Protein backbone atom coordinates (compact mmCIF):
# COMPACT_ATOMS: atom_id res chain seq x y z
CA MET A 1 58.96 -5.95 50.62
CA PRO A 2 55.27 -6.92 50.31
CA GLY A 3 53.22 -7.63 47.10
CA ASP A 4 52.39 -5.34 44.16
CA ASN A 5 49.30 -3.75 45.49
CA LEU A 6 48.95 -1.56 48.63
CA THR A 7 47.04 -2.85 51.67
CA ARG A 8 44.77 -0.69 53.75
CA VAL A 9 47.35 -0.85 56.65
CA GLU A 10 50.07 0.42 54.27
CA THR A 11 47.98 3.33 53.07
CA GLN A 12 47.05 4.34 56.54
CA ASP A 13 50.65 4.17 57.62
CA SER A 14 51.90 6.25 54.71
CA LYS A 15 49.15 8.87 55.19
CA SER A 16 50.08 9.16 58.90
CA HIS A 17 53.73 10.15 58.22
CA VAL A 18 54.04 11.33 54.51
CA ASP A 19 52.74 14.46 52.83
CA VAL A 20 53.73 14.87 49.20
CA SER A 21 54.23 18.38 47.76
CA SER A 22 55.24 17.81 44.18
CA TYR A 23 56.50 15.46 41.48
CA ASP A 24 58.69 16.62 38.63
CA VAL A 25 58.65 13.80 36.06
CA ALA A 26 60.90 13.61 32.92
CA LEU A 27 60.01 10.96 30.42
CA ASP A 28 62.25 10.32 27.45
CA LEU A 29 60.24 8.22 24.87
CA THR A 30 63.15 8.10 22.39
CA THR A 31 65.04 5.26 24.15
CA GLY A 32 63.64 2.08 22.53
CA GLU A 33 60.66 -0.08 21.64
CA GLU A 34 60.39 -1.88 24.97
CA THR A 35 61.32 0.70 27.58
CA PHE A 36 61.45 4.48 28.22
CA ALA A 37 63.52 6.53 30.52
CA SER A 38 61.79 7.96 33.58
CA THR A 39 63.32 10.39 35.98
CA THR A 40 61.22 11.47 38.98
CA THR A 41 61.95 14.07 41.64
CA VAL A 42 59.61 13.95 44.51
CA THR A 43 59.43 16.62 47.18
CA PHE A 44 57.73 15.46 50.40
CA SER A 45 57.61 15.86 54.16
CA ALA A 46 57.68 13.03 56.58
CA LYS A 47 58.06 12.16 60.24
CA ALA A 48 61.82 12.42 60.88
CA GLY A 49 63.38 8.93 61.10
CA ALA A 50 60.35 7.13 59.61
CA SER A 51 60.66 4.50 56.83
CA THR A 52 58.31 4.02 54.00
CA PHE A 53 58.41 3.05 50.22
CA ILE A 54 57.50 4.65 46.93
CA ASP A 55 55.93 2.58 44.18
CA ALA A 56 57.83 2.20 40.95
CA PHE A 57 57.25 -0.61 38.43
CA THR A 58 60.52 -0.66 36.59
CA ARG A 59 62.64 -2.80 34.40
CA THR A 60 65.85 -1.22 35.81
CA VAL A 61 66.47 1.31 38.50
CA HIS A 62 69.74 3.16 37.60
CA ALA A 63 69.96 5.65 40.60
CA VAL A 64 68.13 6.50 43.81
CA THR A 65 69.06 9.64 45.66
CA LEU A 66 67.42 10.53 48.99
CA ASN A 67 68.39 14.02 50.32
CA GLY A 68 71.55 13.99 48.42
CA ARG A 69 72.49 10.47 49.66
CA SER A 70 72.93 7.76 47.05
CA LEU A 71 71.07 4.53 47.78
CA ASP A 72 71.99 1.25 46.23
CA PRO A 73 69.19 0.40 43.66
CA ALA A 74 69.93 -3.44 44.11
CA VAL A 75 69.24 -3.07 47.88
CA VAL A 76 66.31 -0.70 48.05
CA SER A 77 64.31 -1.56 44.70
CA ASP A 78 62.67 -4.84 43.88
CA GLY A 79 61.18 -3.62 40.56
CA VAL A 80 57.80 -2.69 42.24
CA ARG A 81 58.76 -0.60 45.23
CA ILE A 82 61.68 1.47 46.53
CA LEU A 83 62.37 1.21 50.16
CA LEU A 84 63.11 4.66 51.89
CA ASP A 85 64.66 4.62 55.40
CA ASP A 86 65.59 7.35 57.81
CA LEU A 87 63.51 10.08 56.25
CA ALA A 88 64.01 13.84 57.23
CA GLU A 89 61.15 16.18 57.92
CA GLN A 90 61.65 17.65 54.38
CA ASN A 91 62.82 15.27 51.65
CA VAL A 92 63.77 15.24 48.11
CA LEU A 93 63.90 11.90 46.26
CA VAL A 94 65.33 11.40 42.76
CA VAL A 95 64.68 8.03 41.00
CA VAL A 96 66.29 7.37 37.61
CA ALA A 97 64.82 4.23 35.95
CA ASP A 98 63.67 2.56 32.79
CA ALA A 99 60.02 1.73 32.71
CA GLU A 100 58.36 -0.73 30.40
CA TYR A 101 55.70 0.09 27.68
CA THR A 102 52.67 -2.06 27.94
CA ASN A 103 49.99 -3.18 25.38
CA THR A 104 47.29 -3.69 27.92
CA GLY A 105 46.21 -0.14 28.51
CA GLU A 106 48.10 0.03 31.79
CA GLY A 107 50.86 2.49 32.44
CA LEU A 108 52.15 3.79 29.10
CA HIS A 109 50.42 1.83 26.35
CA ARG A 110 52.42 1.44 23.08
CA PHE A 111 50.68 0.46 19.90
CA VAL A 112 51.68 0.43 16.18
CA ASP A 113 48.48 0.96 14.14
CA PRO A 114 48.40 -1.78 11.30
CA VAL A 115 46.51 0.54 9.02
CA ASP A 116 48.71 3.63 9.00
CA GLY A 117 51.91 2.10 10.40
CA GLU A 118 52.21 4.96 13.02
CA LEU A 119 53.10 4.51 16.65
CA TYR A 120 50.67 5.72 19.23
CA LEU A 121 51.15 5.94 23.04
CA TYR A 122 48.51 6.77 25.69
CA SER A 123 47.85 6.54 29.30
CA GLN A 124 44.71 6.85 31.35
CA PHE A 125 46.41 6.50 34.73
CA GLU A 126 43.68 4.31 36.03
CA VAL A 127 44.28 3.23 39.59
CA PRO A 128 47.06 2.10 40.21
CA ASP A 129 48.82 2.67 36.82
CA SER A 130 50.91 5.79 37.25
CA ARG A 131 53.48 3.77 39.10
CA ARG A 132 54.26 2.00 35.77
CA MET A 133 55.48 5.29 34.36
CA PHE A 134 57.19 7.02 37.35
CA ALA A 135 58.02 6.64 41.00
CA VAL A 136 54.97 7.77 42.98
CA PHE A 137 53.33 7.40 46.35
CA GLU A 138 50.29 5.83 44.57
CA GLN A 139 47.31 6.51 46.90
CA PRO A 140 44.53 8.95 46.18
CA ASP A 141 44.70 10.74 49.53
CA LEU A 142 48.38 11.82 48.95
CA LYS A 143 47.64 14.57 46.51
CA ALA A 144 50.50 16.64 44.86
CA SER A 145 51.25 18.88 41.96
CA PHE A 146 52.72 16.99 38.93
CA GLN A 147 54.93 18.72 36.41
CA PHE A 148 55.77 16.56 33.30
CA THR A 149 58.54 17.04 30.85
CA VAL A 150 58.44 14.71 27.82
CA THR A 151 61.11 14.18 25.25
CA ALA A 152 59.72 12.48 22.10
CA PRO A 153 60.01 12.49 18.29
CA ALA A 154 59.46 16.13 17.13
CA ALA A 155 56.72 15.05 14.65
CA TRP A 156 54.53 13.66 17.50
CA GLN A 157 51.59 15.40 19.15
CA VAL A 158 52.06 15.30 22.94
CA VAL A 159 49.14 16.11 25.09
CA SER A 160 48.33 16.08 28.78
CA ASN A 161 45.62 17.39 31.09
CA SER A 162 47.48 20.64 31.13
CA PRO A 163 47.61 22.99 28.19
CA THR A 164 50.05 21.78 25.50
CA PRO A 165 53.18 23.85 25.48
CA THR A 166 55.25 24.71 22.33
CA PRO A 167 57.78 21.83 21.90
CA VAL A 168 61.49 22.96 21.98
CA ALA A 169 63.68 21.12 19.46
CA LYS A 170 66.45 19.14 21.19
CA LYS A 171 70.03 20.50 20.64
CA GLY A 172 71.38 18.75 17.53
CA SER A 173 67.95 17.88 16.09
CA THR A 174 67.86 18.80 12.49
CA GLY A 175 64.12 18.95 11.59
CA SER A 176 64.41 15.66 9.84
CA ALA A 177 62.08 12.71 10.44
CA ASP A 178 64.24 11.50 13.41
CA SER A 179 64.49 14.90 15.11
CA VAL A 180 63.59 15.08 18.75
CA ALA A 181 61.75 17.73 20.90
CA THR A 182 60.78 18.37 24.49
CA TRP A 183 57.39 19.39 25.80
CA ALA A 184 57.52 20.98 29.34
CA PHE A 185 53.96 20.98 30.74
CA GLU A 186 52.93 23.30 33.61
CA ALA A 187 51.81 21.68 36.70
CA PRO A 188 48.03 21.74 37.31
CA PRO A 189 46.59 22.17 40.79
CA ARG A 190 47.20 19.30 43.27
CA ILE A 191 45.55 16.12 42.19
CA SER A 192 45.80 12.42 43.13
CA SER A 193 48.21 10.22 41.23
């Protein structure tokens, strides 16, 4: 597979045979200090039989399922892109991976404030940083709806460009400092990644 960044030819090729409908992204921010769990379900149409790739900067890809067919992550993923062959007219792709936190402002930035000792995360999704958090056809002309579900410590404030939903305590969470909750954001209108 080619380098980290898309070329003009690659974007033109993707746009000519891929149309993305939606992304359903589940992030679990309770899995460790270096990585977080990222599960992406992408619904898209394509030219039947075509091949393409989806961007996904990952530490580990655990599973890739295309239209109910399991693909071997060791074969289709290089840590930057996931190769997708023999597409159908209508496709559902599920990618289960571990993504890395950064401290550079790219992807999901993780920072412990030395003054208050609290942990802070943020993302601006500057081009092309969404691929550092979830599997995505990362080019502005492939707009889609994005629905995010975030699991995090219950004491956190989790916000998005959608209205903030009421968090739901995870089963077994006790309300203690280590309790966990899930925020299920509604999808905004179609936007670029």
